[in-house]
Amino acid sequence: MRLTIHNLSQIPELHQAHVNLILQGRDLPEQAQFYLATFNDRAVALAWRDQTALGFIAVRDITRRRGIGQELLAHIKRDAKAQGVDQLTCNSAQAPAAQQAELVAFLQAQGFNGPTAMLSCNLE
C-alpha cells in the first residue's frame, strides 16, 4: 500500500485510536480542515489548517523520518495555494516544549522562515 492523504472535516471513527496516539492528549478543534495521512489503513500523521495558519502537524513517533511529514506538508501547501492562500504561518508553540526545536527545523527545511516562534512560508 501507499501513503494516502485525506482532506477531511471530521476524523473517521476507524482512525480515532491512531489519531489519539498522534495527538498525545491534545484536543481536536471543533472546526478546521483536517489532513490525515494513512498507510495500510492506519493513521500515521495528522495536521489541520484554519485559513492561512497551520494549527498542528505531527507524525506518529514510530513512523517518523520516512518522508511522511514532508509529503503531508507538501499536500497542505498545494491545497492552500489552490484555495487562493498565498502564505501559511505556523506557531512552533503548538508542539510540546521538548519537540519545538525539531518542529522548527522541519518547517525551515520545508521552506518556512522567520522568528522561530512564528514561521511563515510563501506559496507563490
PDB file of N, CA and C in Angstrom:
ATOM      1  N   MET A   1       0.826  -1.186   0.000  1.00  0.00           N
ATOM      2  CA  MET A   1       0.000   0.000   0.000  1.00  0.00           C
ATOM      3  C   MET A   1       0.870   1.249   0.000  1.00  0.00           C
ATOM      4  N   ARG A   2       0.248   2.351  -0.331  1.00  0.00           N
ATOM      5  CA  ARG A   2       0.987   3.601  -0.366  1.00  0.00           C
ATOM      6  C   ARG A   2       0.395   4.601   0.613  1.00  0.00           C
ATOM      7  N   LEU A   3       1.133   5.659   0.840  1.00  0.00           N
ATOM      8  CA  LEU A   3       0.681   6.728   1.711  1.00  0.00           C
ATOM      9  C   LEU A   3      -0.462   7.461   1.023  1.00  0.00           C
ATOM     10  N   THR A   4      -1.532   7.689   1.765  1.00  0.00           N
ATOM     11  CA  THR A   4      -2.681   8.417   1.253  1.00  0.00           C
ATOM     12  C   THR A   4      -2.972   9.571   2.197  1.00  0.00           C
ATOM     13  N   ILE A   5      -3.217  10.731   1.629  1.00  0.00           N
ATOM     14  CA  ILE A   5      -3.554  11.895   2.444  1.00  0.00           C
ATOM     15  C   ILE A   5      -4.997  12.272   2.152  1.00  0.00           C
ATOM     16  N   HIS A   6      -5.776  12.341   3.219  1.00  0.00           N
ATOM     17  CA  HIS A   6      -7.205  12.614   3.125  1.00  0.00           C
ATOM     18  C   HIS A   6      -7.477  14.030   3.623  1.00  0.00           C
ATOM     19  N   ASN A   7      -8.286  14.780   2.877  1.00  0.00           N
ATOM     20  CA  ASN A   7      -8.786  16.075   3.326  1.00  0.00           C
ATOM     21  C   ASN A   7     -10.135  15.798   3.981  1.00  0.00           C
ATOM     22  N   LEU A   8     -10.277  16.173   5.239  1.00  0.00           N
ATOM     23  CA  LEU A   8     -11.474  15.815   5.992  1.00  0.00           C
ATOM     24  C   LEU A   8     -12.004  16.995   6.801  1.00  0.00           C
ATOM     25  N   SER A   9     -13.302  16.968   7.078  1.00  0.00           N
ATOM     26  CA  SER A   9     -13.880  17.932   8.007  1.00  0.00           C
ATOM     27  C   SER A   9     -14.046  17.303   9.386  1.00  0.00           C
ATOM     28  N   GLN A  10     -14.008  15.967   9.461  1.00  0.00           N
ATOM     29  CA  GLN A  10     -14.063  15.226  10.719  1.00  0.00           C
ATOM     30  C   GLN A  10     -13.176  13.997  10.595  1.00  0.00           C
ATOM     31  N   ILE A  11     -12.670  13.526  11.725  1.00  0.00           N
ATOM     32  CA  ILE A  11     -11.833  12.324  11.741  1.00  0.00           C
ATOM     33  C   ILE A  11     -12.738  11.102  11.831  1.00  0.00           C
ATOM     34  N   PRO A  12     -12.610  10.158  10.895  1.00  0.00           N
ATOM     35  CA  PRO A  12     -13.447   8.954  10.943  1.00  0.00           C
ATOM     36  C   PRO A  12     -13.160   8.110  12.187  1.00  0.00           C
ATOM     37  N   GLU A  13     -14.190   7.500  12.716  1.00  0.00           N
ATOM     38  CA  GLU A  13     -14.057   6.646  13.901  1.00  0.00           C
ATOM     39  C   GLU A  13     -13.018   5.547  13.672  1.00  0.00           C
ATOM     40  N   LEU A  14     -12.933   5.031  12.471  1.00  0.00           N
ATOM     41  CA  LEU A  14     -11.976   3.984  12.113  1.00  0.00           C
ATOM     42  C   LEU A  14     -10.542   4.367  12.493  1.00  0.00           C
ATOM     43  N   HIS A  15     -10.212   5.641  12.390  1.00  0.00           N
ATOM     44  CA  HIS A  15      -8.842   6.109  12.627  1.00  0.00           C
ATOM     45  C   HIS A  15      -8.647   6.777  13.995  1.00  0.00           C
ATOM     46  N   GLN A  16      -9.684   6.843  14.788  1.00  0.00           N
ATOM     47  CA  GLN A  16      -9.620   7.601  16.034  1.00  0.00           C
ATOM     48  C   GLN A  16      -8.541   7.097  16.995  1.00  0.00           C
ATOM     49  N   ALA A  17      -8.357   5.801  17.128  1.00  0.00           N
ATOM     50  CA  ALA A  17      -7.356   5.273  18.067  1.00  0.00           C
ATOM     51  C   ALA A  17      -5.947   5.707  17.681  1.00  0.00           C
ATOM     52  N   HIS A  18      -5.617   5.620  16.382  1.00  0.00           N
ATOM     53  CA  HIS A  18      -4.284   6.039  15.942  1.00  0.00           C
ATOM     54  C   HIS A  18      -4.137   7.556  16.003  1.00  0.00           C
ATOM     55  N   VAL A  19      -5.206   8.278  15.723  1.00  0.00           N
ATOM     56  CA  VAL A  19      -5.174   9.738  15.826  1.00  0.00           C
ATOM     57  C   VAL A  19      -4.884  10.146  17.266  1.00  0.00           C
ATOM     58  N   ASN A  20      -5.477   9.448  18.228  1.00  0.00           N
ATOM     59  CA  ASN A  20      -5.213   9.757  19.637  1.00  0.00           C
ATOM     60  C   ASN A  20      -3.738   9.560  19.981  1.00  0.00           C
ATOM     61  N   LEU A  21      -3.097   8.570  19.376  1.00  0.00           N
ATOM     62  CA  LEU A  21      -1.661   8.373  19.595  1.00  0.00           C
ATOM     63  C   LEU A  21      -0.854   9.541  19.027  1.00  0.00           C
ATOM     64  N   ILE A  22      -1.282  10.052  17.893  1.00  0.00           N
ATOM     65  CA  ILE A  22      -0.599  11.192  17.273  1.00  0.00           C
ATOM     66  C   ILE A  22      -0.807  12.460  18.106  1.00  0.00           C
ATOM     67  N   LEU A  23      -2.012  12.648  18.604  1.00  0.00           N
ATOM     68  CA  LEU A  23      -2.350  13.867  19.352  1.00  0.00           C
ATOM     69  C   LEU A  23      -1.681  13.944  20.718  1.00  0.00           C
ATOM     70  N   GLN A  24      -1.349  12.833  21.306  1.00  0.00           N
ATOM     71  CA  GLN A  24      -0.695  12.788  22.622  1.00  0.00           C
ATOM     72  C   GLN A  24      -1.420  13.660  23.644  1.00  0.00           C
ATOM     73  N   GLY A  25      -2.731  13.498  23.730  1.00  0.00           N
ATOM     74  CA  GLY A  25      -3.516  14.210  24.724  1.00  0.00           C
ATOM     75  C   GLY A  25      -4.068  15.551  24.285  1.00  0.00           C
ATOM     76  N   ARG A  26      -3.682  16.024  23.140  1.00  0.00           N
ATOM     77  CA  ARG A  26      -4.197  17.303  22.631  1.00  0.00           C
ATOM     78  C   ARG A  26      -5.597  17.088  22.060  1.00  0.00           C
ATOM     79  N   ASP A  27      -6.447  18.095  22.154  1.00  0.00           N
ATOM     80  CA  ASP A  27      -7.804  18.015  21.622  1.00  0.00           C
ATOM     81  C   ASP A  27      -7.854  18.484  20.174  1.00  0.00           C
ATOM     82  N   LEU A  28      -8.758  17.898  19.419  1.00  0.00           N
ATOM     83  CA  LEU A  28      -9.023  18.362  18.061  1.00  0.00           C
ATOM     84  C   LEU A  28      -9.864  19.630  18.120  1.00  0.00           C
ATOM     85  N   PRO A  29      -9.628  20.577  17.235  1.00  0.00           N
ATOM     86  CA  PRO A  29     -10.510  21.746  17.196  1.00  0.00           C
ATOM     87  C   PRO A  29     -11.887  21.336  16.658  1.00  0.00           C
ATOM     88  N   GLU A  30     -12.889  22.122  16.996  1.00  0.00           N
ATOM     89  CA  GLU A  30     -14.230  21.807  16.503  1.00  0.00           C
ATOM     90  C   GLU A  30     -14.332  22.015  15.004  1.00  0.00           C
ATOM     91  N   GLN A  31     -13.686  23.055  14.495  1.00  0.00           N
ATOM     92  CA  GLN A  31     -13.726  23.336  13.069  1.00  0.00           C
ATOM     93  C   GLN A  31     -12.330  23.588  12.548  1.00  0.00           C
ATOM     94  N   ALA A  32     -11.987  22.864  11.502  1.00  0.00           N
ATOM     95  CA  ALA A  32     -10.704  23.045  10.819  1.00  0.00           C
ATOM     96  C   ALA A  32     -10.719  22.160   9.589  1.00  0.00           C
ATOM     97  N   GLN A  33      -9.770  22.396   8.715  1.00  0.00           N
ATOM     98  CA  GLN A  33      -9.543  21.497   7.591  1.00  0.00           C
ATOM     99  C   GLN A  33      -8.508  20.489   8.067  1.00  0.00           C
ATOM    100  N   PHE A  34      -8.904  19.225   8.211  1.00  0.00           N
ATOM    101  CA  PHE A  34      -8.003  18.185   8.689  1.00  0.00           C
ATOM    102  C   PHE A  34      -7.336  17.484   7.516  1.00  0.00           C
ATOM    103  N   TYR A  35      -6.089  17.119   7.720  1.00  0.00           N
ATOM    104  CA  TYR A  35      -5.321  16.340   6.748  1.00  0.00           C
ATOM    105  C   TYR A  35      -4.819  15.109   7.490  1.00  0.00           C
ATOM    106  N   LEU A  36      -5.296  13.956   7.077  1.00  0.00           N
ATOM    107  CA  LEU A  36      -4.941  12.707   7.739  1.00  0.00           C
ATOM    108  C   LEU A  36      -4.150  11.847   6.763  1.00  0.00           C
ATOM    109  N   ALA A  37      -2.938  11.491   7.146  1.00  0.00           N
ATOM    110  CA  ALA A  37      -2.110  10.607   6.318  1.00  0.00           C
ATOM    111  C   ALA A  37      -2.275   9.189   6.838  1.00  0.00           C
ATOM    112  N   THR A  38      -2.591   8.283   5.923  1.00  0.00           N
ATOM    113  CA  THR A  38      -2.748   6.877   6.302  1.00  0.00           C
ATOM    114  C   THR A  38      -1.809   6.017   5.465  1.00  0.00           C
ATOM    115  N   PHE A  39      -1.380   4.941   6.087  1.00  0.00           N
ATOM    116  CA  PHE A  39      -0.558   3.937   5.409  1.00  0.00           C
ATOM    117  C   PHE A  39      -1.072   2.590   5.876  1.00  0.00           C
ATOM    118  N   ASN A  40      -1.426   1.728   4.931  1.00  0.00           N
ATOM    119  CA  ASN A  40      -2.040   0.433   5.260  1.00  0.00           C
ATOM    120  C   ASN A  40      -3.248   0.618   6.183  1.00  0.00           C
ATOM    121  N   ASP A  41      -4.074   1.605   5.873  1.00  0.00           N
ATOM    122  CA  ASP A  41      -5.297   1.901   6.618  1.00  0.00           C
ATOM    123  C   ASP A  41      -5.071   2.287   8.068  1.00  0.00           C
ATOM    124  N   ARG A  42      -3.879   2.732   8.407  1.00  0.00           N
ATOM    125  CA  ARG A  42      -3.590   3.222   9.757  1.00  0.00           C
ATOM    126  C   ARG A  42      -3.173   4.683   9.661  1.00  0.00           C
ATOM    127  N   ALA A  43      -3.705   5.473  10.564  1.00  0.00           N
ATOM    128  CA  ALA A  43      -3.333   6.887  10.599  1.00  0.00           C
ATOM    129  C   ALA A  43      -1.896   7.016  11.082  1.00  0.00           C
ATOM    130  N   VAL A  44      -1.054   7.688  10.299  1.00  0.00           N
ATOM    131  CA  VAL A  44       0.355   7.851  10.659  1.00  0.00           C
ATOM    132  C   VAL A  44       0.745   9.315  10.849  1.00  0.00           C
ATOM    133  N   ALA A  45      -0.095  10.246  10.404  1.00  0.00           N
ATOM    134  CA  ALA A  45       0.197  11.664  10.573  1.00  0.00           C
ATOM    135  C   ALA A  45      -1.096  12.457  10.491  1.00  0.00           C
ATOM    136  N   LEU A  46      -1.086  13.605  11.133  1.00  0.00           N
ATOM    137  CA  LEU A  46      -2.269  14.451  11.176  1.00  0.00           C
ATOM    138  C   LEU A  46      -1.837  15.910  11.170  1.00  0.00           C
ATOM    139  N   ALA A  47      -2.619  16.718  10.498  1.00  0.00           N
ATOM    140  CA  ALA A  47      -2.408  18.171  10.519  1.00  0.00           C
ATOM    141  C   ALA A  47      -3.767  18.827  10.376  1.00  0.00           C
ATOM    142  N   TRP A  48      -3.830  20.086  10.774  1.00  0.00           N
ATOM    143  CA  TRP A  48      -5.019  20.863  10.461  1.00  0.00           C
ATOM    144  C   TRP A  48      -4.634  22.293  10.176  1.00  0.00           C
ATOM    145  N   ARG A  49      -5.501  22.899   9.379  1.00  0.00           N
ATOM    146  CA  ARG A  49      -5.264  24.258   8.909  1.00  0.00           C
ATOM    147  C   ARG A  49      -6.546  25.048   9.056  1.00  0.00           C
ATOM    148  N   ASP A  50      -6.405  26.287   9.487  1.00  0.00           N
ATOM    149  CA  ASP A  50      -7.522  27.211   9.583  1.00  0.00           C
ATOM    150  C   ASP A  50      -7.148  28.430   8.755  1.00  0.00           C
ATOM    151  N   GLN A  51      -7.735  28.551   7.601  1.00  0.00           N
ATOM    152  CA  GLN A  51      -7.407  29.615   6.658  1.00  0.00           C
ATOM    153  C   GLN A  51      -5.915  29.605   6.321  1.00  0.00           C
ATOM    154  N   THR A  52      -5.169  30.582   6.847  1.00  0.00           N
ATOM    155  CA  THR A  52      -3.755  30.717   6.481  1.00  0.00           C
ATOM    156  C   THR A  52      -2.797  30.193   7.546  1.00  0.00           C
ATOM    157  N   ALA A  53      -3.319  29.584   8.597  1.00  0.00           N
ATOM    158  CA  ALA A  53      -2.460  29.106   9.685  1.00  0.00           C
ATOM    159  C   ALA A  53      -2.476  27.582   9.770  1.00  0.00           C
ATOM    160  N   LEU A  54      -1.297  27.028   9.794  1.00  0.00           N
ATOM    161  CA  LEU A  54      -1.141  25.604  10.054  1.00  0.00           C
ATOM    162  C   LEU A  54      -1.210  25.459  11.573  1.00  0.00           C
ATOM    163  N   GLY A  55      -2.307  24.922  12.069  1.00  0.00           N
ATOM    164  CA  GLY A  55      -2.532  24.867  13.507  1.00  0.00           C
ATOM    165  C   GLY A  55      -1.859  23.703  14.198  1.00  0.00           C
ATOM    166  N   PHE A  56      -1.567  22.656  13.434  1.00  0.00           N
ATOM    167  CA  PHE A  56      -0.983  21.456  14.041  1.00  0.00           C
ATOM    168  C   PHE A  56      -0.451  20.576  12.929  1.00  0.00           C
ATOM    169  N   ILE A  57       0.681  19.956  13.189  1.00  0.00           N
ATOM    170  CA  ILE A  57       1.206  18.924  12.290  1.00  0.00           C
ATOM    171  C   ILE A  57       2.053  17.984  13.139  1.00  0.00           C
ATOM    172  N   ALA A  58       1.793  16.695  13.005  1.00  0.00           N
ATOM    173  CA  ALA A  58       2.558  15.702  13.757  1.00  0.00           C
ATOM    174  C   ALA A  58       2.523  14.372  13.027  1.00  0.00           C
ATOM    175  N   VAL A  59       3.632  13.668  13.124  1.00  0.00           N
ATOM    176  CA  VAL A  59       3.756  12.326  12.575  1.00  0.00           C
ATOM    177  C   VAL A  59       3.897  11.374  13.753  1.00  0.00           C
ATOM    178  N   ARG A  60       3.213  10.269  13.674  1.00  0.00           N
ATOM    179  CA  ARG A  60       3.283   9.286  14.755  1.00  0.00           C
ATOM    180  C   ARG A  60       4.732   8.880  14.976  1.00  0.00           C
ATOM    181  N   ASP A  61       5.159   8.813  16.214  1.00  0.00           N
ATOM    182  CA  ASP A  61       6.565   8.617  16.552  1.00  0.00           C
ATOM    183  C   ASP A  61       7.194   7.387  15.902  1.00  0.00           C
ATOM    184  N   ILE A  62       6.468   6.302  15.744  1.00  0.00           N
ATOM    185  CA  ILE A  62       7.067   5.095  15.170  1.00  0.00           C
ATOM    186  C   ILE A  62       7.236   5.171  13.653  1.00  0.00           C
ATOM    187  N   THR A  63       6.700   6.218  13.026  1.00  0.00           N
ATOM    188  CA  THR A  63       6.816   6.343  11.572  1.00  0.00           C
ATOM    189  C   THR A  63       7.579   7.592  11.142  1.00  0.00           C
ATOM    190  N   ARG A  64       8.241   8.249  12.064  1.00  0.00           N
ATOM    191  CA  ARG A  64       8.996   9.462  11.718  1.00  0.00           C
ATOM    192  C   ARG A  64      10.240   9.129  10.905  1.00  0.00           C
ATOM    193  N   ARG A  65      10.740  10.149  10.216  1.00  0.00           N
ATOM    194  CA  ARG A  65      11.971  10.078   9.413  1.00  0.00           C
ATOM    195  C   ARG A  65      11.809   9.190   8.166  1.00  0.00           C
ATOM    196  N   ARG A  66      10.593   9.188   7.621  1.00  0.00           N
ATOM    197  CA  ARG A  66      10.330   8.403   6.408  1.00  0.00           C
ATOM    198  C   ARG A  66       9.715   9.259   5.301  1.00  0.00           C
ATOM    199  N   GLY A  67       9.700  10.569   5.487  1.00  0.00           N
ATOM    200  CA  GLY A  67       9.171  11.467   4.470  1.00  0.00           C
ATOM    201  C   GLY A  67       7.672  11.719   4.562  1.00  0.00           C
ATOM    202  N   ILE A  68       7.026  11.172   5.583  1.00  0.00           N
ATOM    203  CA  ILE A  68       5.577  11.326   5.716  1.00  0.00           C
ATOM    204  C   ILE A  68       5.219  12.786   6.000  1.00  0.00           C
ATOM    205  N   GLY A  69       5.904  13.414   6.932  1.00  0.00           N
ATOM    206  CA  GLY A  69       5.631  14.814   7.250  1.00  0.00           C
ATOM    207  C   GLY A  69       5.881  15.725   6.062  1.00  0.00           C
ATOM    208  N   GLN A  70       6.933  15.439   5.323  1.00  0.00           N
ATOM    209  CA  GLN A  70       7.257  16.226   4.135  1.00  0.00           C
ATOM    210  C   GLN A  70       6.143  16.113   3.100  1.00  0.00           C
ATOM    211  N   GLU A  71       5.668  14.897   2.866  1.00  0.00           N
ATOM    212  CA  GLU A  71       4.579  14.683   1.899  1.00  0.00           C
ATOM    213  C   GLU A  71       3.289  15.335   2.388  1.00  0.00           C
ATOM    214  N   LEU A  72       3.005  15.211   3.671  1.00  0.00           N
ATOM    215  CA  LEU A  72       1.801  15.818   4.242  1.00  0.00           C
ATOM    216  C   LEU A  72       1.844  17.335   4.088  1.00  0.00           C
ATOM    217  N   LEU A  73       2.963  17.949   4.417  1.00  0.00           N
ATOM    218  CA  LEU A  73       3.075  19.402   4.311  1.00  0.00           C
ATOM    219  C   LEU A  73       3.008  19.857   2.854  1.00  0.00           C
ATOM    220  N   ALA A  74       3.598  19.118   1.945  1.00  0.00           N
ATOM    221  CA  ALA A  74       3.509  19.462   0.518  1.00  0.00           C
ATOM    222  C   ALA A  74       2.052  19.437   0.057  1.00  0.00           C
ATOM    223  N   HIS A  75       1.299  18.456   0.507  1.00  0.00           N
ATOM    224  CA  HIS A  75      -0.122  18.357   0.164  1.00  0.00           C
ATOM    225  C   HIS A  75      -0.891  19.566   0.717  1.00  0.00           C
ATOM    226  N   ILE A  76      -0.603  19.933   1.967  1.00  0.00           N
ATOM    227  CA  ILE A  76      -1.268  21.075   2.592  1.00  0.00           C
ATOM    228  C   ILE A  76      -0.952  22.357   1.823  1.00  0.00           C
ATOM    229  N   LYS A  77       0.298  22.537   1.443  1.00  0.00           N
ATOM    230  CA  LYS A  77       0.690  23.728   0.692  1.00  0.00           C
ATOM    231  C   LYS A  77      -0.039  23.799  -0.648  1.00  0.00           C
ATOM    232  N   ARG A  78      -0.106  22.674  -1.369  1.00  0.00           N
ATOM    233  CA  ARG A  78      -0.810  22.649  -2.659  1.00  0.00           C
ATOM    234  C   ARG A  78      -2.290  22.975  -2.470  1.00  0.00           C
ATOM    235  N   ASP A  79      -2.891  22.394  -1.457  1.00  0.00           N
ATOM    236  CA  ASP A  79      -4.309  22.612  -1.184  1.00  0.00           C
ATOM    237  C   ASP A  79      -4.566  24.074  -0.838  1.00  0.00           C
ATOM    238  N   ALA A  80      -3.735  24.647   0.016  1.00  0.00           N
ATOM    239  CA  ALA A  80      -3.898  26.047   0.399  1.00  0.00           C
ATOM    240  C   ALA A  80      -3.735  26.970  -0.804  1.00  0.00           C
ATOM    241  N   LYS A  81      -2.736  26.698  -1.616  1.00  0.00           N
ATOM    242  CA  LYS A  81      -2.499  27.521  -2.811  1.00  0.00           C
ATOM    243  C   LYS A  81      -3.686  27.428  -3.768  1.00  0.00           C
ATOM    244  N   ALA A  82      -4.248  26.234  -3.941  1.00  0.00           N
ATOM    245  CA  ALA A  82      -5.407  26.061  -4.810  1.00  0.00           C
ATOM    246  C   ALA A  82      -6.625  26.813  -4.285  1.00  0.00           C
ATOM    247  N   GLN A  83      -6.651  27.063  -2.995  1.00  0.00           N
ATOM    248  CA  GLN A  83      -7.748  27.810  -2.380  1.00  0.00           C
ATOM    249  C   GLN A  83      -7.463  29.306  -2.323  1.00  0.00           C
ATOM    250  N   GLY A  84      -6.387  29.740  -2.960  1.00  0.00           N
ATOM    251  CA  GLY A  84      -6.081  31.164  -3.053  1.00  0.00           C
ATOM    252  C   GLY A  84      -5.232  31.710  -1.909  1.00  0.00           C
ATOM    253  N   VAL A  85      -4.725  30.860  -1.060  1.00  0.00           N
ATOM    254  CA  VAL A  85      -3.874  31.295   0.044  1.00  0.00           C
ATOM    255  C   VAL A  85      -2.470  31.515  -0.509  1.00  0.00           C
ATOM    256  N   ASP A  86      -1.847  32.650  -0.178  1.00  0.00           N
ATOM    257  CA  ASP A  86      -0.506  32.915  -0.696  1.00  0.00           C
ATOM    258  C   ASP A  86       0.584  32.782   0.359  1.00  0.00           C
ATOM    259  N   GLN A  87       0.184  32.596   1.634  1.00  0.00           N
ATOM    260  CA  GLN A  87       1.182  32.419   2.686  1.00  0.00           C
ATOM    261  C   GLN A  87       0.578  31.602   3.831  1.00  0.00           C
ATOM    262  N   LEU A  88       1.355  30.651   4.324  1.00  0.00           N
ATOM    263  CA  LEU A  88       0.977  29.876   5.501  1.00  0.00           C
ATOM    264  C   LEU A  88       1.861  30.287   6.666  1.00  0.00           C
ATOM    265  N   THR A  89       1.289  30.331   7.852  1.00  0.00           N
ATOM    266  CA  THR A  89       2.071  30.578   9.049  1.00  0.00           C
ATOM    267  C   THR A  89       1.934  29.373   9.981  1.00  0.00           C
ATOM    268  N   CYS A  90       2.873  29.243  10.869  1.00  0.00           N
ATOM    269  CA  CYS A  90       2.827  28.176  11.857  1.00  0.00           C
ATOM    270  C   CYS A  90       3.513  28.640  13.130  1.00  0.00           C
ATOM    271  N   ASN A  91       2.819  28.508  14.248  1.00  0.00           N
ATOM    272  CA  ASN A  91       3.370  28.851  15.550  1.00  0.00           C
ATOM    273  C   ASN A  91       4.013  27.594  16.128  1.00  0.00           C
ATOM    274  N   SER A  92       5.303  27.628  16.350  1.00  0.00           N
ATOM    275  CA  SER A  92       6.011  26.440  16.844  1.00  0.00           C
ATOM    276  C   SER A  92       5.598  26.064  18.259  1.00  0.00           C
ATOM    277  N   ALA A  93       4.909  26.956  18.959  1.00  0.00           N
ATOM    278  CA  ALA A  93       4.449  26.647  20.310  1.00  0.00           C
ATOM    279  C   ALA A  93       3.346  25.597  20.317  1.00  0.00           C
ATOM    280  N   GLN A  94       2.852  25.214  19.126  1.00  0.00           N
ATOM    281  CA  GLN A  94       1.848  24.155  19.048  1.00  0.00           C
ATOM    282  C   GLN A  94       2.407  22.818  19.531  1.00  0.00           C
ATOM    283  N   ALA A  95       3.701  22.661  19.430  1.00  0.00           N
ATOM    284  CA  ALA A  95       4.343  21.399  19.815  1.00  0.00           C
ATOM    285  C   ALA A  95       4.718  21.438  21.292  1.00  0.00           C
ATOM    286  N   PRO A  96       4.780  20.265  21.922  1.00  0.00           N
ATOM    287  CA  PRO A  96       5.298  20.233  23.293  1.00  0.00           C
ATOM    288  C   PRO A  96       6.700  20.842  23.321  1.00  0.00           C
ATOM    289  N   ALA A  97       7.064  21.452  24.432  1.00  0.00           N
ATOM    290  CA  ALA A  97       8.341  22.162  24.549  1.00  0.00           C
ATOM    291  C   ALA A  97       9.526  21.315  24.103  1.00  0.00           C
ATOM    292  N   ALA A  98       9.516  20.034  24.431  1.00  0.00           N
ATOM    293  CA  ALA A  98      10.634  19.153  24.083  1.00  0.00           C
ATOM    294  C   ALA A  98      10.735  18.895  22.581  1.00  0.00           C
ATOM    295  N   GLN A  99       9.657  19.179  21.825  1.00  0.00           N
ATOM    296  CA  GLN A  99       9.652  18.907  20.387  1.00  0.00           C
ATOM    297  C   GLN A  99       9.659  20.170  19.531  1.00  0.00           C
ATOM    298  N   GLN A 100       9.672  21.336  20.146  1.00  0.00           N
ATOM    299  CA  GLN A 100       9.587  22.577  19.385  1.00  0.00           C
ATOM    300  C   GLN A 100      10.783  22.799  18.475  1.00  0.00           C
ATOM    301  N   ALA A 101      11.971  22.524  18.944  1.00  0.00           N
ATOM    302  CA  ALA A 101      13.159  22.716  18.100  1.00  0.00           C
ATOM    303  C   ALA A 101      13.110  21.795  16.893  1.00  0.00           C
ATOM    304  N   GLU A 102      12.647  20.583  17.083  1.00  0.00           N
ATOM    305  CA  GLU A 102      12.519  19.629  15.969  1.00  0.00           C
ATOM    306  C   GLU A 102      11.477  20.110  14.961  1.00  0.00           C
ATOM    307  N   LEU A 103      10.358  20.654  15.448  1.00  0.00           N
ATOM    308  CA  LEU A 103       9.334  21.194  14.551  1.00  0.00           C
ATOM    309  C   LEU A 103       9.876  22.373  13.762  1.00  0.00           C
ATOM    310  N   VAL A 104      10.573  23.285  14.423  1.00  0.00           N
ATOM    311  CA  VAL A 104      11.147  24.442  13.739  1.00  0.00           C
ATOM    312  C   VAL A 104      12.123  23.990  12.657  1.00  0.00           C
ATOM    313  N   ALA A 105      12.988  23.047  12.977  1.00  0.00           N
ATOM    314  CA  ALA A 105      13.955  22.545  11.989  1.00  0.00           C
ATOM    315  C   ALA A 105      13.240  21.913  10.803  1.00  0.00           C
ATOM    316  N   PHE A 106      12.198  21.145  11.074  1.00  0.00           N
ATOM    317  CA  PHE A 106      11.429  20.524   9.995  1.00  0.00           C
ATOM    318  C   PHE A 106      10.788  21.586   9.110  1.00  0.00           C
ATOM    319  N   LEU A 107      10.117  22.554   9.730  1.00  0.00           N
ATOM    320  CA  LEU A 107       9.438  23.591   8.951  1.00  0.00           C
ATOM    321  C   LEU A 107      10.431  24.428   8.144  1.00  0.00           C
ATOM    322  N   GLN A 108      11.569  24.754   8.734  1.00  0.00           N
ATOM    323  CA  GLN A 108      12.579  25.513   7.992  1.00  0.00           C
ATOM    324  C   GLN A 108      13.093  24.711   6.798  1.00  0.00           C
ATOM    325  N   ALA A 109      13.249  23.419   6.956  1.00  0.00           N
ATOM    326  CA  ALA A 109      13.690  22.572   5.835  1.00  0.00           C
ATOM    327  C   ALA A 109      12.633  22.513   4.735  1.00  0.00           C
ATOM    328  N   GLN A 110      11.386  22.829   5.081  1.00  0.00           N
ATOM    329  CA  GLN A 110      10.293  22.795   4.112  1.00  0.00           C
ATOM    330  C   GLN A 110       9.929  24.189   3.586  1.00  0.00           C
ATOM    331  N   GLY A 111      10.796  25.168   3.817  1.00  0.00           N
ATOM    332  CA  GLY A 111      10.610  26.482   3.226  1.00  0.00           C
ATOM    333  C   GLY A 111      10.015  27.537   4.138  1.00  0.00           C
ATOM    334  N   PHE A 112       9.752  27.232   5.390  1.00  0.00           N
ATOM    335  CA  PHE A 112       9.253  28.229   6.328  1.00  0.00           C
ATOM    336  C   PHE A 112      10.435  29.024   6.870  1.00  0.00           C
ATOM    337  N   ASN A 113      10.194  30.292   7.169  1.00  0.00           N
ATOM    338  CA  ASN A 113      11.255  31.101   7.754  1.00  0.00           C
ATOM    339  C   ASN A 113      10.653  32.150   8.672  1.00  0.00           C
ATOM    340  N   GLY A 114      11.518  32.906   9.317  1.00  0.00           N
ATOM    341  CA  GLY A 114      11.081  33.934  10.244  1.00  0.00           C
ATOM    342  C   GLY A 114      11.468  33.575  11.660  1.00  0.00           C
ATOM    343  N   PRO A 115      11.003  34.370  12.622  1.00  0.00           N
ATOM    344  CA  PRO A 115      11.308  34.059  14.019  1.00  0.00           C
ATOM    345  C   PRO A 115      10.824  32.650  14.363  1.00  0.00           C
ATOM    346  N   THR A 116      11.555  31.948  15.186  1.00  0.00           N
ATOM    347  CA  THR A 116      11.216  30.554  15.456  1.00  0.00           C
ATOM    348  C   THR A 116       9.876  30.385  16.161  1.00  0.00           C
ATOM    349  N   ALA A 117       9.361  31.427  16.786  1.00  0.00           N
ATOM    350  CA  ALA A 117       8.043  31.319  17.413  1.00  0.00           C
ATOM    351  C   ALA A 117       6.932  31.320  16.364  1.00  0.00           C
ATOM    352  N   MET A 118       7.076  32.130  15.312  1.00  0.00           N
ATOM    353  CA  MET A 118       6.042  32.216  14.279  1.00  0.00           C
ATOM    354  C   MET A 118       6.708  32.173  12.913  1.00  0.00           C
ATOM    355  N   LEU A 119       6.647  31.029  12.280  1.00  0.00           N
ATOM    356  CA  LEU A 119       7.260  30.841  10.969  1.00  0.00           C
ATOM    357  C   LEU A 119       6.236  31.047   9.877  1.00  0.00           C
ATOM    358  N   SER A 120       6.698  31.421   8.695  1.00  0.00           N
ATOM    359  CA  SER A 120       5.787  31.580   7.568  1.00  0.00           C
ATOM    360  C   SER A 120       6.431  31.055   6.295  1.00  0.00           C
ATOM    361  N   CYS A 121       5.568  30.745   5.338  1.00  0.00           N
ATOM    362  CA  CYS A 121       6.025  30.195   4.063  1.00  0.00           C
ATOM    363  C   CYS A 121       5.191  30.791   2.947  1.00  0.00           C
ATOM    364  N   ASN A 122       5.842  31.382   1.956  1.00  0.00           N
ATOM    365  CA  ASN A 122       5.141  31.887   0.783  1.00  0.00           C
ATOM    366  C   ASN A 122       4.796  30.740  -0.139  1.00  0.00           C
ATOM    367  N   LEU A 123       3.592  30.763  -0.695  1.00  0.00           N
ATOM    368  CA  LEU A 123       3.125  29.684  -1.557  1.00  0.00           C
ATOM    369  C   LEU A 123       3.125  30.060  -3.024  1.00  0.00           C
ATOM    370  N   GLU A 124       3.629  31.209  -3.354  1.00  0.00           N
ATOM    371  CA  GLU A 124       3.601  31.681  -4.742  1.00  0.00           C
ATOM    372  C   GLU A 124       4.469  30.879  -5.653  1.00  0.00           C
TER     373      GLU A 124
END
